[in-house]
Amino acid sequence: MIVLAAVPSVALGVILTAILIVLFGVYGLLPGLAVTLATVMLAVSRAAVDPSARVIDELDARPAEPSGGARLLNVMEALSATGGVVQPALHVIDDPAANLLVLGVSDRGTHVIVTSGLLDQLERVELEAVLARAVTLIRRGDLPATTTALQVLTGTRGGTAMLIRPVVGVLRSRLSQGVAADDDVLLDRDAVALTRYPPGLIGALGKLSASSTTVESADAAGASLWLVDPRADGGVGRAPLADRIDALELL
């Protein structure tokens, strides 16, 4: 994803270098290469930034505190040990919708963000089930690439944004369409394998299907990183909750 973000800068630098050579001969080569290198380094540095802090700030999420989120912290601590991942940082959004977001560009820098609505509506065994799904997503290994794509798509501003505009369509297609429907089902099944209790996730998804999962402050580009698509229209590409529940009931 980072290399892809740098491609337009390389193309622009090559064109600029060619123009300088035409105008100034061999004397235009060095300035052209210098400008190319500078623009590539700028694009790469912007793309390589971990967007987690920015996304958390935009969602107005607060750190989960032991005083009010002991259940959340305790369950995640146990699941992280069982799942073999470094315990992610936990955050809470004050939003009545029931949903959950996972972010991170490295195994040791992941974040799980839950809504207050999710905490209010789910029993402990159901909360364990959706957090197990988050652990499964972290353990699968492709979270850093998807999070980096989110940064390239939404976190680049100014002149650099103009440079990467040609590749935005590719990244937007990857993120806004969400994960494949089969991926949702597979992640659900892996989460159940971690908890060894299918009714937990079945119950959680059932409650989500009966309530709102729309998070108004969520960026549509990161829809695939949520437990359920946070957009009001439900987005495209994600398996309907009813189908996910049916798949779990077959286990």
Protein backbone atom coordinates (compact mmCIF):
# COMPACT_ATOMS: atom_id res chain seq x y z
CA MET A 1 0.00 0.00 0.00
CA ILE A 2 2.83 2.39 0.82
CA VAL A 3 4.61 1.62 -2.46
CA LEU A 4 1.35 2.10 -4.35
CA ALA A 5 0.96 5.54 -2.79
CA ALA A 6 4.44 6.49 -4.03
CA VAL A 7 3.86 5.47 -7.65
CA PRO A 8 2.23 8.78 -8.74
CA SER A 9 5.14 10.72 -7.20
CA VAL A 10 7.62 8.65 -9.20
CA ALA A 11 5.64 9.21 -12.40
CA LEU A 12 5.45 12.95 -11.77
CA GLY A 13 9.17 13.09 -11.00
CA VAL A 14 10.08 11.26 -14.21
CA ILE A 15 7.97 13.67 -16.26
CA LEU A 16 9.49 16.69 -14.50
CA THR A 17 13.01 15.33 -14.96
CA ALA A 18 12.40 14.79 -18.66
CA ILE A 19 11.18 18.37 -19.03
CA LEU A 20 14.23 19.73 -17.20
CA ILE A 21 16.57 17.69 -19.40
CA VAL A 22 14.88 19.03 -22.52
CA LEU A 23 15.21 22.59 -21.23
CA PHE A 24 18.65 22.45 -19.66
CA GLY A 25 20.27 19.31 -21.03
CA VAL A 26 22.25 17.14 -18.64
CA TYR A 27 22.18 19.94 -16.06
CA GLY A 28 18.48 19.31 -15.53
CA LEU A 29 19.03 15.69 -14.50
CA LEU A 30 20.22 16.29 -10.94
CA PRO A 31 17.46 18.76 -9.95
CA GLY A 32 14.87 16.45 -11.49
CA LEU A 33 16.10 13.45 -9.53
CA ALA A 34 16.26 15.53 -6.34
CA VAL A 35 12.64 16.66 -6.73
CA THR A 36 11.55 13.10 -7.54
CA LEU A 37 13.27 11.73 -4.44
CA ALA A 38 11.77 14.46 -2.24
CA THR A 39 8.22 13.87 -3.46
CA VAL A 40 8.54 10.10 -3.13
CA MET A 41 9.87 10.41 0.42
CA LEU A 42 7.02 12.77 1.31
CA ALA A 43 4.39 10.42 -0.12
CA VAL A 44 5.90 7.40 1.65
CA SER A 45 6.21 9.21 4.98
CA ARG A 46 2.59 10.33 4.84
CA ALA A 47 1.35 6.87 3.84
CA ALA A 48 3.40 5.13 6.55
CA VAL A 49 1.80 7.09 9.40
CA ASP A 50 -0.36 4.98 11.69
CA PRO A 51 -3.87 6.49 11.31
CA SER A 52 -5.15 4.95 14.55
CA ALA A 53 -4.72 8.09 16.69
CA ARG A 54 -6.43 10.23 14.05
CA VAL A 55 -9.35 7.83 13.64
CA ILE A 56 -9.78 7.49 17.40
CA ASP A 57 -9.82 11.28 17.71
CA GLU A 58 -12.35 11.66 14.89
CA LEU A 59 -14.60 9.10 16.56
CA ASP A 60 -14.21 10.97 19.86
CA ALA A 61 -13.32 7.67 21.54
CA ARG A 62 -11.98 7.57 25.07
CA PRO A 63 -9.67 4.97 26.64
CA ALA A 64 -11.46 2.16 28.44
CA GLU A 65 -10.94 2.73 32.16
CA PRO A 66 -10.89 0.00 34.85
CA SER A 67 -13.50 1.91 36.85
CA GLY A 68 -16.15 1.77 34.12
CA GLY A 69 -14.87 -0.84 31.70
CA ALA A 70 -13.56 -3.60 33.94
CA ARG A 71 -15.64 -6.24 32.15
CA LEU A 72 -14.31 -5.15 28.75
CA LEU A 73 -10.70 -5.09 29.95
CA ASN A 74 -10.89 -8.43 31.73
CA VAL A 75 -12.49 -10.26 28.81
CA MET A 76 -10.00 -8.84 26.30
CA GLU A 77 -7.04 -9.71 28.53
CA ALA A 78 -8.15 -13.35 28.70
CA LEU A 79 -8.91 -13.59 24.98
CA SER A 80 -5.58 -12.02 23.99
CA ALA A 81 -3.73 -14.63 26.02
CA THR A 82 -5.83 -17.45 24.58
CA GLY A 83 -5.54 -16.15 21.03
CA GLY A 84 -1.81 -15.52 21.24
CA VAL A 85 -1.87 -11.81 20.40
CA VAL A 86 -0.55 -8.75 22.21
CA GLN A 87 -3.45 -7.22 24.09
CA PRO A 88 -4.82 -4.31 22.01
CA ALA A 89 -5.56 -0.89 23.44
CA LEU A 90 -9.25 -0.55 24.22
CA HIS A 91 -11.40 2.52 23.57
CA VAL A 92 -15.07 3.36 23.96
CA ILE A 93 -17.27 5.60 21.80
CA ASP A 94 -20.28 7.16 23.49
CA ASP A 95 -22.79 6.08 20.85
CA PRO A 96 -26.04 4.12 21.28
CA ALA A 97 -25.31 2.07 18.16
CA ALA A 98 -23.89 -1.42 18.73
CA ASN A 99 -20.65 -1.88 16.81
CA LEU A 100 -16.90 -2.48 17.09
CA LEU A 101 -13.84 -1.33 15.13
CA VAL A 102 -10.34 -2.87 14.91
CA LEU A 103 -7.29 -0.84 13.79
CA GLY A 104 -3.53 -1.30 13.75
CA VAL A 105 -0.42 -1.28 11.60
CA SER A 106 1.63 -3.66 13.72
CA ASP A 107 1.09 -6.62 16.03
CA ARG A 108 2.03 -4.46 19.02
CA GLY A 109 0.02 -1.40 18.04
CA THR A 110 -3.56 -2.59 17.60
CA HIS A 111 -6.70 -0.89 18.87
CA VAL A 112 -10.20 -2.19 19.52
CA ILE A 113 -12.87 0.50 19.70
CA VAL A 114 -16.34 -0.41 20.95
CA THR A 115 -19.47 1.66 21.22
CA SER A 116 -21.20 2.21 24.53
CA GLY A 117 -24.30 0.74 22.88
CA LEU A 118 -22.47 -2.53 22.33
CA LEU A 119 -21.40 -2.69 25.97
CA ASP A 120 -24.91 -1.86 27.17
CA GLN A 121 -26.68 -4.44 25.03
CA LEU A 122 -24.43 -7.50 25.22
CA GLU A 123 -24.13 -9.98 28.05
CA ARG A 124 -20.63 -11.04 29.08
CA VAL A 125 -20.62 -14.20 26.94
CA GLU A 126 -21.81 -12.19 23.93
CA LEU A 127 -19.19 -9.50 24.50
CA GLU A 128 -16.57 -12.25 24.70
CA ALA A 129 -17.75 -13.52 21.31
CA VAL A 130 -17.42 -10.21 19.45
CA LEU A 131 -14.07 -9.47 21.10
CA ALA A 132 -12.92 -12.94 20.04
CA ARG A 133 -13.74 -11.94 16.48
CA ALA A 134 -11.55 -8.85 16.89
CA VAL A 135 -8.71 -11.04 18.18
CA THR A 136 -9.20 -13.37 15.22
CA LEU A 137 -8.95 -10.44 12.80
CA ILE A 138 -5.72 -9.28 14.47
CA ARG A 139 -4.29 -12.79 14.44
CA ARG A 140 -5.07 -13.31 10.75
CA GLY A 141 -2.35 -10.84 9.78
CA ASP A 142 -3.87 -8.59 7.11
CA LEU A 143 -5.01 -5.82 9.46
CA PRO A 144 -1.84 -3.70 8.95
CA ALA A 145 -2.34 -3.60 5.15
CA THR A 146 -5.98 -2.60 5.46
CA THR A 147 -5.23 0.04 8.09
CA THR A 148 -2.42 1.45 5.96
CA ALA A 149 -4.78 1.62 2.98
CA LEU A 150 -7.16 3.63 5.15
CA GLN A 151 -4.34 6.08 5.93
CA VAL A 152 -3.40 6.42 2.25
CA LEU A 153 -7.02 7.02 1.31
CA THR A 154 -8.17 9.41 4.03
CA GLY A 155 -5.14 10.66 5.92
CA THR A 156 -3.21 12.40 3.18
CA ARG A 157 -3.81 16.11 2.70
CA GLY A 158 -2.58 18.98 0.54
CA GLY A 159 -0.22 18.48 -2.38
CA THR A 160 0.46 14.87 -1.46
CA ALA A 161 -3.24 14.10 -1.77
CA MET A 162 -3.15 15.41 -5.33
CA LEU A 163 -0.26 13.10 -6.12
CA ILE A 164 -1.98 9.94 -4.91
CA ARG A 165 -5.38 10.77 -6.42
CA PRO A 166 -4.79 8.36 -9.36
CA VAL A 167 -4.60 5.40 -6.95
CA VAL A 168 -7.41 6.46 -4.64
CA GLY A 169 -9.95 4.63 -6.74
CA VAL A 170 -8.10 1.35 -6.26
CA LEU A 171 -7.88 1.77 -2.49
CA ARG A 172 -11.45 3.03 -2.15
CA SER A 173 -12.69 -0.05 -3.97
CA ARG A 174 -10.77 -2.26 -1.53
CA LEU A 175 -12.03 -0.54 1.59
CA SER A 176 -15.49 0.85 0.88
CA GLN A 177 -16.81 -2.42 -0.51
CA GLY A 178 -15.78 -4.10 2.68
CA VAL A 179 -14.54 -7.62 3.19
CA ALA A 180 -15.97 -10.41 1.09
CA ALA A 181 -19.16 -11.98 2.39
CA ASP A 182 -17.37 -15.30 2.85
CA ASP A 183 -14.70 -13.51 4.90
CA ASP A 184 -17.32 -12.38 7.41
CA VAL A 185 -18.53 -15.94 7.84
CA LEU A 186 -14.99 -17.31 8.17
CA LEU A 187 -14.05 -14.71 10.79
CA ASP A 188 -17.21 -15.52 12.73
CA ARG A 189 -16.36 -19.21 12.68
CA ASP A 190 -12.78 -18.57 13.77
CA ALA A 191 -14.09 -16.46 16.65
CA VAL A 192 -16.36 -19.31 17.73
CA ALA A 193 -13.40 -21.70 17.55
CA LEU A 194 -11.60 -19.40 19.99
CA THR A 195 -14.46 -19.21 22.52
CA ARG A 196 -15.79 -22.73 21.85
CA TYR A 197 -19.32 -21.39 22.35
CA PRO A 198 -21.33 -20.61 19.16
CA PRO A 199 -24.43 -19.35 21.04
CA GLY A 200 -22.39 -16.38 22.30
CA LEU A 201 -21.78 -14.92 18.86
CA ILE A 202 -25.19 -16.00 17.59
CA GLY A 203 -26.79 -14.07 20.45
CA ALA A 204 -24.58 -11.02 19.87
CA LEU A 205 -25.30 -10.87 16.13
CA GLY A 206 -28.99 -11.37 16.85
CA LYS A 207 -29.02 -8.34 19.13
CA LEU A 208 -27.10 -6.29 16.55
CA SER A 209 -29.65 -7.20 13.86
CA ALA A 210 -32.43 -5.92 16.12
CA SER A 211 -30.71 -2.62 16.92
CA SER A 212 -28.86 0.18 15.15
CA THR A 213 -25.27 -0.44 14.07
CA THR A 214 -24.89 2.93 12.33
CA VAL A 215 -22.04 5.03 13.70
CA GLU A 216 -22.46 8.52 12.26
CA SER A 217 -18.85 9.56 12.94
CA ALA A 218 -17.38 6.50 11.19
CA ASP A 219 -15.43 7.02 7.98
CA ALA A 220 -17.00 5.01 5.16
CA ALA A 221 -13.53 4.17 3.83
CA GLY A 222 -12.88 2.03 6.90
CA ALA A 223 -16.17 0.13 6.82
CA SER A 224 -14.44 -3.24 6.39
CA LEU A 225 -12.71 -2.83 9.77
CA TRP A 226 -16.00 -2.77 11.70
CA LEU A 227 -17.87 -5.75 13.12
CA VAL A 228 -20.87 -4.64 11.05
CA ASP A 229 -20.79 -2.01 8.30
CA PRO A 230 -21.31 1.28 10.20
CA ARG A 231 -22.99 3.08 7.31
CA ALA A 232 -26.70 3.82 7.42
CA ASP A 233 -27.31 2.01 4.13
CA GLY A 234 -25.37 -1.05 5.27
CA GLY A 235 -22.85 -0.71 2.43
CA VAL A 236 -22.16 -3.51 -0.02
CA GLY A 237 -20.10 -6.67 -0.02
CA ARG A 238 -20.70 -7.68 3.61
CA ALA A 239 -22.67 -10.77 4.52
CA PRO A 240 -26.11 -9.91 5.98
CA LEU A 241 -26.34 -10.56 9.70
CA ALA A 242 -29.10 -13.11 9.10
CA ASP A 243 -26.77 -15.14 6.84
CA ARG A 244 -23.96 -14.95 9.38
CA ILE A 245 -26.29 -16.20 12.10
CA ASP A 246 -27.53 -19.05 9.88
CA ALA A 247 -23.94 -20.10 9.16
CA LEU A 248 -23.15 -20.22 12.87
CA GLU A 249 -26.27 -22.21 13.66
CA LEU A 250 -25.02 -24.95 11.32
CA LEU A 251 -21.95 -25.55 13.52
